Amino acid sequence: SGGAEQVARTLVDRFGERNAHWAMVCIAFLVGLPLFFEVGFVLLVPIAFTVARRVGVSILMVGLPMVAGLSVVHALVPPHPAAMLAVQAY
């Protein structure tokens, strides 16, 4: 439906082509808050491919920051479901 293209266009326009990796970190952080890592990954992969194609860089240049942002939220941020489950277990 063109949703990933629109999100990618907005991110690149706001952050600029040189800062596409920071855009992916920010969007991964926001998307990762209410979701588990795997769900966020599946949702963000089309956006990462579209941003990489739009900016003209390797998928690794935007994919790795995306995965890093999701990992940080998944492991360290307390309102995340995984962190809350770990706290409740103890």
PDB file of N, CA and C in Angstrom:
ATOM      1  N   SER A   1       0.816  -1.198   0.000  1.00  0.00           N
ATOM      2  CA  SER A   1       0.000   0.000   0.000  1.00  0.00           C
ATOM      3  C   SER A   1       0.857   1.258   0.000  1.00  0.00           C
ATOM      4  N   GLY A   2       2.172   1.119   0.091  1.00  0.00           N
ATOM      5  CA  GLY A   2       3.042   2.285   0.071  1.00  0.00           C
ATOM      6  C   GLY A   2       3.319   2.871   1.438  1.00  0.00           C
ATOM      7  N   GLY A   3       2.931   2.184   2.492  1.00  0.00           N
ATOM      8  CA  GLY A   3       3.145   2.703   3.839  1.00  0.00           C
ATOM      9  C   GLY A   3       4.615   2.818   4.200  1.00  0.00           C
ATOM     10  N   ALA A   4       5.391   1.790   3.882  1.00  0.00           N
ATOM     11  CA  ALA A   4       6.827   1.820   4.190  1.00  0.00           C
ATOM     12  C   ALA A   4       7.520   2.925   3.405  1.00  0.00           C
ATOM     13  N   GLU A   5       7.087   3.140   2.167  1.00  0.00           N
ATOM     14  CA  GLU A   5       7.678   4.204   1.347  1.00  0.00           C
ATOM     15  C   GLU A   5       7.397   5.575   1.956  1.00  0.00           C
ATOM     16  N   GLN A   6       6.196   5.779   2.443  1.00  0.00           N
ATOM     17  CA  GLN A   6       5.845   7.066   3.050  1.00  0.00           C
ATOM     18  C   GLN A   6       6.615   7.300   4.345  1.00  0.00           C
ATOM     19  N   VAL A   7       6.719   6.271   5.168  1.00  0.00           N
ATOM     20  CA  VAL A   7       7.475   6.404   6.415  1.00  0.00           C
ATOM     21  C   VAL A   7       8.944   6.683   6.113  1.00  0.00           C
ATOM     22  N   ALA A   8       9.504   5.972   5.143  1.00  0.00           N
ATOM     23  CA  ALA A   8      10.903   6.181   4.765  1.00  0.00           C
ATOM     24  C   ALA A   8      11.121   7.588   4.226  1.00  0.00           C
ATOM     25  N   ARG A   9      10.206   8.063   3.410  1.00  0.00           N
ATOM     26  CA  ARG A   9      10.319   9.417   2.852  1.00  0.00           C
ATOM     27  C   ARG A   9      10.291  10.457   3.969  1.00  0.00           C
ATOM     28  N   THR A  10       9.389  10.290   4.913  1.00  0.00           N
ATOM     29  CA  THR A  10       9.288  11.232   6.024  1.00  0.00           C
ATOM     30  C   THR A  10      10.549  11.219   6.883  1.00  0.00           C
ATOM     31  N   LEU A  11      11.068  10.023   7.172  1.00  0.00           N
ATOM     32  CA  LEU A  11      12.281   9.923   7.982  1.00  0.00           C
ATOM     33  C   LEU A  11      13.467  10.590   7.307  1.00  0.00           C
ATOM     34  N   VAL A  12      13.643  10.312   6.024  1.00  0.00           N
ATOM     35  CA  VAL A  12      14.781  10.885   5.301  1.00  0.00           C
ATOM     36  C   VAL A  12      14.626  12.394   5.186  1.00  0.00           C
ATOM     37  N   ASP A  13      13.413  12.866   4.975  1.00  0.00           N
ATOM     38  CA  ASP A  13      13.196  14.313   4.885  1.00  0.00           C
ATOM     39  C   ASP A  13      13.484  15.009   6.210  1.00  0.00           C
ATOM     40  N   ARG A  14      13.110  14.397   7.320  1.00  0.00           N
ATOM     41  CA  ARG A  14      13.301  15.025   8.635  1.00  0.00           C
ATOM     42  C   ARG A  14      14.752  14.973   9.110  1.00  0.00           C
ATOM     43  N   PHE A  15      15.386  13.821   8.939  1.00  0.00           N
ATOM     44  CA  PHE A  15      16.738  13.639   9.451  1.00  0.00           C
ATOM     45  C   PHE A  15      17.819  13.963   8.428  1.00  0.00           C
ATOM     46  N   GLY A  16      17.496  13.907   7.163  1.00  0.00           N
ATOM     47  CA  GLY A  16      18.490  14.112   6.113  1.00  0.00           C
ATOM     48  C   GLY A  16      19.121  12.790   5.701  1.00  0.00           C
ATOM     49  N   GLU A  17      19.667  12.756   4.509  1.00  0.00           N
ATOM     50  CA  GLU A  17      20.241  11.515   3.993  1.00  0.00           C
ATOM     51  C   GLU A  17      21.481  11.088   4.771  1.00  0.00           C
ATOM     52  N   ARG A  18      22.257  12.039   5.258  1.00  0.00           N
ATOM     53  CA  ARG A  18      23.473  11.696   5.998  1.00  0.00           C
ATOM     54  C   ARG A  18      23.164  11.112   7.371  1.00  0.00           C
ATOM     55  N   ASN A  19      21.980  11.354   7.902  1.00  0.00           N
ATOM     56  CA  ASN A  19      21.610  10.886   9.239  1.00  0.00           C
ATOM     57  C   ASN A  19      20.530   9.813   9.206  1.00  0.00           C
ATOM     58  N   ALA A  20      20.470   9.057   8.126  1.00  0.00           N
ATOM     59  CA  ALA A  20      19.447   8.013   8.014  1.00  0.00           C
ATOM     60  C   ALA A  20      19.620   6.958   9.100  1.00  0.00           C
ATOM     61  N   HIS A  21      20.847   6.687   9.495  1.00  0.00           N
ATOM     62  CA  HIS A  21      21.079   5.694  10.545  1.00  0.00           C
ATOM     63  C   HIS A  21      20.498   6.164  11.885  1.00  0.00           C
ATOM     64  N   TRP A  22      20.604   7.457  12.182  1.00  0.00           N
ATOM     65  CA  TRP A  22      20.002   7.974  13.416  1.00  0.00           C
ATOM     66  C   TRP A  22      18.482   7.929  13.346  1.00  0.00           C
ATOM     67  N   ALA A  23      17.939   8.128  12.174  1.00  0.00           N
ATOM     68  CA  ALA A  23      16.490   8.023  12.005  1.00  0.00           C
ATOM     69  C   ALA A  23      16.020   6.613  12.326  1.00  0.00           C
ATOM     70  N   MET A  24      16.777   5.617  11.890  1.00  0.00           N
ATOM     71  CA  MET A  24      16.389   4.232  12.156  1.00  0.00           C
ATOM     72  C   MET A  24      16.529   3.888  13.635  1.00  0.00           C
ATOM     73  N   VAL A  25      17.530   4.439  14.307  1.00  0.00           N
ATOM     74  CA  VAL A  25      17.660   4.206  15.751  1.00  0.00           C
ATOM     75  C   VAL A  25      16.451   4.782  16.478  1.00  0.00           C
ATOM     76  N   CYS A  26      16.072   5.989  16.128  1.00  0.00           N
ATOM     77  CA  CYS A  26      14.936   6.644  16.797  1.00  0.00           C
ATOM     78  C   CYS A  26      13.632   5.910  16.546  1.00  0.00           C
ATOM     79  N   ILE A  27      13.384   5.534  15.304  1.00  0.00           N
ATOM     80  CA  ILE A  27      12.125   4.846  15.005  1.00  0.00           C
ATOM     81  C   ILE A  27      12.105   3.457  15.643  1.00  0.00           C
ATOM     82  N   ALA A  28      13.259   2.792  15.715  1.00  0.00           N
ATOM     83  CA  ALA A  28      13.319   1.488  16.373  1.00  0.00           C
ATOM     84  C   ALA A  28      13.062   1.629  17.868  1.00  0.00           C
ATOM     85  N   PHE A  29      13.582   2.690  18.460  1.00  0.00           N
ATOM     86  CA  PHE A  29      13.346   2.922  19.884  1.00  0.00           C
ATOM     87  C   PHE A  29      11.861   3.143  20.146  1.00  0.00           C
ATOM     88  N   LEU A  30      11.219   3.938  19.311  1.00  0.00           N
ATOM     89  CA  LEU A  30       9.792   4.222  19.504  1.00  0.00           C
ATOM     90  C   LEU A  30       8.924   3.002  19.237  1.00  0.00           C
ATOM     91  N   VAL A  31       9.222   2.283  18.176  1.00  0.00           N
ATOM     92  CA  VAL A  31       8.426   1.100  17.839  1.00  0.00           C
ATOM     93  C   VAL A  31       8.690  -0.019  18.845  1.00  0.00           C
ATOM     94  N   GLY A  32       9.914  -0.101  19.349  1.00  0.00           N
ATOM     95  CA  GLY A  32      10.268  -1.175  20.261  1.00  0.00           C
ATOM     96  C   GLY A  32       9.698  -1.053  21.657  1.00  0.00           C
ATOM     97  N   LEU A  33       9.254   0.131  22.052  1.00  0.00           N
ATOM     98  CA  LEU A  33       8.717   0.289  23.410  1.00  0.00           C
ATOM     99  C   LEU A  33       7.525  -0.622  23.693  1.00  0.00           C
ATOM    100  N   PRO A  34       6.486  -0.626  22.874  1.00  0.00           N
ATOM    101  CA  PRO A  34       5.338  -1.459  23.217  1.00  0.00           C
ATOM    102  C   PRO A  34       5.412  -2.884  22.674  1.00  0.00           C
ATOM    103  N   LEU A  35       6.441  -3.208  21.878  1.00  0.00           N
ATOM    104  CA  LEU A  35       6.491  -4.497  21.196  1.00  0.00           C
ATOM    105  C   LEU A  35       7.710  -5.298  21.613  1.00  0.00           C
ATOM    106  N   PHE A  36       7.620  -6.602  21.427  1.00  0.00           N
ATOM    107  CA  PHE A  36       8.787  -7.443  21.609  1.00  0.00           C
ATOM    108  C   PHE A  36       9.731  -7.272  20.427  1.00  0.00           C
ATOM    109  N   PHE A  37      10.976  -7.722  20.597  1.00  0.00           N
ATOM    110  CA  PHE A  37      12.019  -7.523  19.592  1.00  0.00           C
ATOM    111  C   PHE A  37      11.614  -8.093  18.235  1.00  0.00           C
ATOM    112  N   GLU A  38      11.117  -9.320  18.227  1.00  0.00           N
ATOM    113  CA  GLU A  38      10.809  -9.989  16.969  1.00  0.00           C
ATOM    114  C   GLU A  38       9.711  -9.268  16.199  1.00  0.00           C
ATOM    115  N   VAL A  39       8.707  -8.810  16.897  1.00  0.00           N
ATOM    116  CA  VAL A  39       7.599  -8.110  16.241  1.00  0.00           C
ATOM    117  C   VAL A  39       8.080  -6.777  15.672  1.00  0.00           C
ATOM    118  N   GLY A  40       8.852  -6.043  16.450  1.00  0.00           N
ATOM    119  CA  GLY A  40       9.404  -4.783  15.960  1.00  0.00           C
ATOM    120  C   GLY A  40      10.308  -4.989  14.765  1.00  0.00           C
ATOM    121  N   PHE A  41      11.090  -6.061  14.782  1.00  0.00           N
ATOM    122  CA  PHE A  41      11.984  -6.362  13.662  1.00  0.00           C
ATOM    123  C   PHE A  41      11.194  -6.610  12.385  1.00  0.00           C
ATOM    124  N   VAL A  42      10.158  -7.421  12.494  1.00  0.00           N
ATOM    125  CA  VAL A  42       9.338  -7.730  11.315  1.00  0.00           C
ATOM    126  C   VAL A  42       8.650  -6.475  10.786  1.00  0.00           C
ATOM    127  N   LEU A  43       8.221  -5.602  11.670  1.00  0.00           N
ATOM    128  CA  LEU A  43       7.565  -4.372  11.234  1.00  0.00           C
ATOM    129  C   LEU A  43       8.532  -3.379  10.592  1.00  0.00           C
ATOM    130  N   LEU A  44       9.777  -3.341  11.063  1.00  0.00           N
ATOM    131  CA  LEU A  44      10.717  -2.323  10.599  1.00  0.00           C
ATOM    132  C   LEU A  44      11.582  -2.746   9.418  1.00  0.00           C
ATOM    133  N   VAL A  45      11.659  -4.022   9.107  1.00  0.00           N
ATOM    134  CA  VAL A  45      12.506  -4.470   7.994  1.00  0.00           C
ATOM    135  C   VAL A  45      12.102  -3.828   6.667  1.00  0.00           C
ATOM    136  N   PRO A  46      10.817  -3.767   6.309  1.00  0.00           N
ATOM    137  CA  PRO A  46      10.481  -3.091   5.045  1.00  0.00           C
ATOM    138  C   PRO A  46      10.883  -1.619   5.032  1.00  0.00           C
ATOM    139  N   ILE A  47      10.776  -0.953   6.172  1.00  0.00           N
ATOM    140  CA  ILE A  47      11.176   0.453   6.245  1.00  0.00           C
ATOM    141  C   ILE A  47      12.684   0.576   6.077  1.00  0.00           C
ATOM    142  N   ALA A  48      13.445  -0.340   6.680  1.00  0.00           N
ATOM    143  CA  ALA A  48      14.906  -0.297   6.547  1.00  0.00           C
ATOM    144  C   ALA A  48      15.328  -0.496   5.094  1.00  0.00           C
ATOM    145  N   PHE A  49      14.717  -1.450   4.404  1.00  0.00           N
ATOM    146  CA  PHE A  49      15.050  -1.665   2.996  1.00  0.00           C
ATOM    147  C   PHE A  49      14.704  -0.443   2.156  1.00  0.00           C
ATOM    148  N   THR A  50      13.569   0.163   2.441  1.00  0.00           N
ATOM    149  CA  THR A  50      13.149   1.335   1.670  1.00  0.00           C
ATOM    150  C   THR A  50      14.054   2.531   1.937  1.00  0.00           C
ATOM    151  N   VAL A  51      14.431   2.743   3.196  1.00  0.00           N
ATOM    152  CA  VAL A  51      15.335   3.851   3.521  1.00  0.00           C
ATOM    153  C   VAL A  51      16.689   3.627   2.857  1.00  0.00           C
ATOM    154  N   ALA A  52      17.200   2.401   2.913  1.00  0.00           N
ATOM    155  CA  ALA A  52      18.500   2.111   2.292  1.00  0.00           C
ATOM    156  C   ALA A  52      18.456   2.359   0.790  1.00  0.00           C
ATOM    157  N   ARG A  53      17.385   1.936   0.152  1.00  0.00           N
ATOM    158  CA  ARG A  53      17.259   2.154  -1.291  1.00  0.00           C
ATOM    159  C   ARG A  53      17.110   3.639  -1.603  1.00  0.00           C
ATOM    160  N   ARG A  54      16.351   4.347  -0.797  1.00  0.00           N
ATOM    161  CA  ARG A  54      16.125   5.774  -1.049  1.00  0.00           C
ATOM    162  C   ARG A  54      17.402   6.591  -0.859  1.00  0.00           C
ATOM    163  N   VAL A  55      18.180   6.264   0.166  1.00  0.00           N
ATOM    164  CA  VAL A  55      19.399   7.006   0.457  1.00  0.00           C
ATOM    165  C   VAL A  55      20.551   6.534  -0.428  1.00  0.00           C
ATOM    166  N   GLY A  56      20.496   5.284  -0.877  1.00  0.00           N
ATOM    167  CA  GLY A  56      21.546   4.751  -1.731  1.00  0.00           C
ATOM    168  C   GLY A  56      22.713   4.163  -0.964  1.00  0.00           C
ATOM    169  N   VAL A  57      22.428   3.571   0.189  1.00  0.00           N
ATOM    170  CA  VAL A  57      23.470   2.942   0.996  1.00  0.00           C
ATOM    171  C   VAL A  57      23.142   1.464   1.170  1.00  0.00           C
ATOM    172  N   SER A  58      24.091   0.741   1.733  1.00  0.00           N
ATOM    173  CA  SER A  58      23.886  -0.668   2.021  1.00  0.00           C
ATOM    174  C   SER A  58      22.818  -0.828   3.105  1.00  0.00           C
ATOM    175  N   ILE A  59      22.130  -1.955   3.062  1.00  0.00           N
ATOM    176  CA  ILE A  59      21.113  -2.225   4.076  1.00  0.00           C
ATOM    177  C   ILE A  59      21.742  -2.291   5.468  1.00  0.00           C
ATOM    178  N   LEU A  60      23.024  -2.653   5.543  1.00  0.00           N
ATOM    179  CA  LEU A  60      23.698  -2.708   6.843  1.00  0.00           C
ATOM    180  C   LEU A  60      23.825  -1.334   7.493  1.00  0.00           C
ATOM    181  N   MET A  61      23.915  -0.301   6.691  1.00  0.00           N
ATOM    182  CA  MET A  61      24.060   1.060   7.231  1.00  0.00           C
ATOM    183  C   MET A  61      22.806   1.532   7.957  1.00  0.00           C
ATOM    184  N   VAL A  62      21.658   1.000   7.617  1.00  0.00           N
ATOM    185  CA  VAL A  62      20.425   1.366   8.319  1.00  0.00           C
ATOM    186  C   VAL A  62      19.867   0.197   9.125  1.00  0.00           C
ATOM    187  N   GLY A  63      20.204  -1.023   8.740  1.00  0.00           N
ATOM    188  CA  GLY A  63      19.691  -2.195   9.442  1.00  0.00           C
ATOM    189  C   GLY A  63      20.340  -2.416  10.798  1.00  0.00           C
ATOM    190  N   LEU A  64      21.653  -2.241  10.865  1.00  0.00           N
ATOM    191  CA  LEU A  64      22.335  -2.431  12.147  1.00  0.00           C
ATOM    192  C   LEU A  64      21.913  -1.408  13.203  1.00  0.00           C
ATOM    193  N   PRO A  65      21.792  -0.121  12.869  1.00  0.00           N
ATOM    194  CA  PRO A  65      21.265   0.810  13.875  1.00  0.00           C
ATOM    195  C   PRO A  65      19.830   0.479  14.300  1.00  0.00           C
ATOM    196  N   MET A  66      19.037  -0.032  13.363  1.00  0.00           N
ATOM    197  CA  MET A  66      17.677  -0.431  13.702  1.00  0.00           C
ATOM    198  C   MET A  66      17.695  -1.566  14.721  1.00  0.00           C
ATOM    199  N   VAL A  67      18.513  -2.575  14.471  1.00  0.00           N
ATOM    200  CA  VAL A  67      18.610  -3.712  15.388  1.00  0.00           C
ATOM    201  C   VAL A  67      19.179  -3.269  16.738  1.00  0.00           C
ATOM    202  N   ALA A  68      20.135  -2.353  16.719  1.00  0.00           N
ATOM    203  CA  ALA A  68      20.701  -1.851  17.972  1.00  0.00           C
ATOM    204  C   ALA A  68      19.642  -1.126  18.797  1.00  0.00           C
ATOM    205  N   GLY A  69      18.840  -0.295  18.151  1.00  0.00           N
ATOM    206  CA  GLY A  69      17.781   0.410  18.863  1.00  0.00           C
ATOM    207  C   GLY A  69      16.758  -0.534  19.462  1.00  0.00           C
ATOM    208  N   LEU A  70      16.366  -1.539  18.694  1.00  0.00           N
ATOM    209  CA  LEU A  70      15.417  -2.524  19.211  1.00  0.00           C
ATOM    210  C   LEU A  70      16.015  -3.319  20.367  1.00  0.00           C
ATOM    211  N   SER A  71      17.287  -3.680  20.261  1.00  0.00           N
ATOM    212  CA  SER A  71      17.941  -4.456  21.318  1.00  0.00           C
ATOM    213  C   SER A  71      18.031  -3.671  22.616  1.00  0.00           C
ATOM    214  N   VAL A  72      18.378  -2.402  22.523  1.00  0.00           N
ATOM    215  CA  VAL A  72      18.494  -1.571  23.723  1.00  0.00           C
ATOM    216  C   VAL A  72      17.145  -1.459  24.414  1.00  0.00           C
ATOM    217  N   VAL A  73      16.116  -1.207  23.649  1.00  0.00           N
ATOM    218  CA  VAL A  73      14.782  -1.094  24.248  1.00  0.00           C
ATOM    219  C   VAL A  73      14.354  -2.425  24.846  1.00  0.00           C
ATOM    220  N   HIS A  74      14.635  -3.504  24.140  1.00  0.00           N
ATOM    221  CA  HIS A  74      14.214  -4.827  24.590  1.00  0.00           C
ATOM    222  C   HIS A  74      14.886  -5.221  25.906  1.00  0.00           C
ATOM    223  N   ALA A  75      16.137  -4.846  26.061  1.00  0.00           N
ATOM    224  CA  ALA A  75      16.882  -5.317  27.223  1.00  0.00           C
ATOM    225  C   ALA A  75      16.908  -4.341  28.395  1.00  0.00           C
ATOM    226  N   LEU A  76      16.852  -3.047  28.137  1.00  0.00           N
ATOM    227  CA  LEU A  76      17.165  -2.096  29.199  1.00  0.00           C
ATOM    228  C   LEU A  76      16.033  -1.189  29.656  1.00  0.00           C
ATOM    229  N   VAL A  77      15.062  -0.933  28.827  1.00  0.00           N
ATOM    230  CA  VAL A  77      14.042   0.059  29.175  1.00  0.00           C
ATOM    231  C   VAL A  77      12.936  -0.614  29.993  1.00  0.00           C
ATOM    232  N   PRO A  78      12.684  -0.159  31.219  1.00  0.00           N
ATOM    233  CA  PRO A  78      11.738  -0.828  32.106  1.00  0.00           C
ATOM    234  C   PRO A  78      10.299  -0.964  31.618  1.00  0.00           C
ATOM    235  N   PRO A  79       9.683  -0.003  30.925  1.00  0.00           N
ATOM    236  CA  PRO A  79       8.292  -0.245  30.554  1.00  0.00           C
ATOM    237  C   PRO A  79       8.121  -1.279  29.452  1.00  0.00           C
ATOM    238  N   HIS A  80       9.220  -1.771  28.921  1.00  0.00           N
ATOM    239  CA  HIS A  80       9.125  -2.778  27.870  1.00  0.00           C
ATOM    240  C   HIS A  80       8.578  -4.078  28.459  1.00  0.00           C
ATOM    241  N   PRO A  81       7.749  -4.815  27.716  1.00  0.00           N
ATOM    242  CA  PRO A  81       7.156  -6.045  28.251  1.00  0.00           C
ATOM    243  C   PRO A  81       8.180  -7.063  28.743  1.00  0.00           C
ATOM    244  N   ALA A  82       9.310  -7.214  28.057  1.00  0.00           N
ATOM    245  CA  ALA A  82      10.301  -8.209  28.477  1.00  0.00           C
ATOM    246  C   ALA A  82      10.931  -7.836  29.813  1.00  0.00           C
ATOM    247  N   ALA A  83      11.270  -6.576  29.996  1.00  0.00           N
ATOM    248  CA  ALA A  83      11.849  -6.142  31.270  1.00  0.00           C
ATOM    249  C   ALA A  83      10.834  -6.280  32.400  1.00  0.00           C
ATOM    250  N   MET A  84       9.587  -5.991  32.123  1.00  0.00           N
ATOM    251  CA  MET A  84       8.554  -6.106  33.153  1.00  0.00           C
ATOM    252  C   MET A  84       8.323  -7.568  33.541  1.00  0.00           C
ATOM    253  N   LEU A  85       8.374  -8.475  32.576  1.00  0.00           N
ATOM    254  CA  LEU A  85       8.229  -9.894  32.891  1.00  0.00           C
ATOM    255  C   LEU A  85       9.391 -10.388  33.745  1.00  0.00           C
ATOM    256  N   ALA A  86      10.595  -9.910  33.462  1.00  0.00           N
ATOM    257  CA  ALA A  86      11.754 -10.311  34.254  1.00  0.00           C
ATOM    258  C   ALA A  86      11.631  -9.802  35.688  1.00  0.00           C
ATOM    259  N   VAL A  87      11.136  -8.594  35.861  1.00  0.00           N
ATOM    260  CA  VAL A  87      10.970  -8.036  37.205  1.00  0.00           C
ATOM    261  C   VAL A  87       9.894  -8.797  37.967  1.00  0.00           C
ATOM    262  N   GLN A  88       8.810  -9.150  37.305  1.00  0.00           N
ATOM    263  CA  GLN A  88       7.731  -9.872  37.969  1.00  0.00           C
ATOM    264  C   GLN A  88       8.144 -11.290  38.354  1.00  0.00           C
ATOM    265  N   ALA A  89       9.094 -11.863  37.629  1.00  0.00           N
ATOM    266  CA  ALA A  89       9.537 -13.222  37.934  1.00  0.00           C
ATOM    267  C   ALA A  89      10.277 -13.286  39.262  1.00  0.00           C
ATOM    268  N   TYR A  90      10.861 -12.176  39.671  1.00  0.00           N
ATOM    269  CA  TYR A  90      11.592 -12.151  40.930  1.00  0.00           C
ATOM    270  C   TYR A  90      10.770 -11.447  41.949  1.00  0.00           C
TER     271      TYR A  90
END
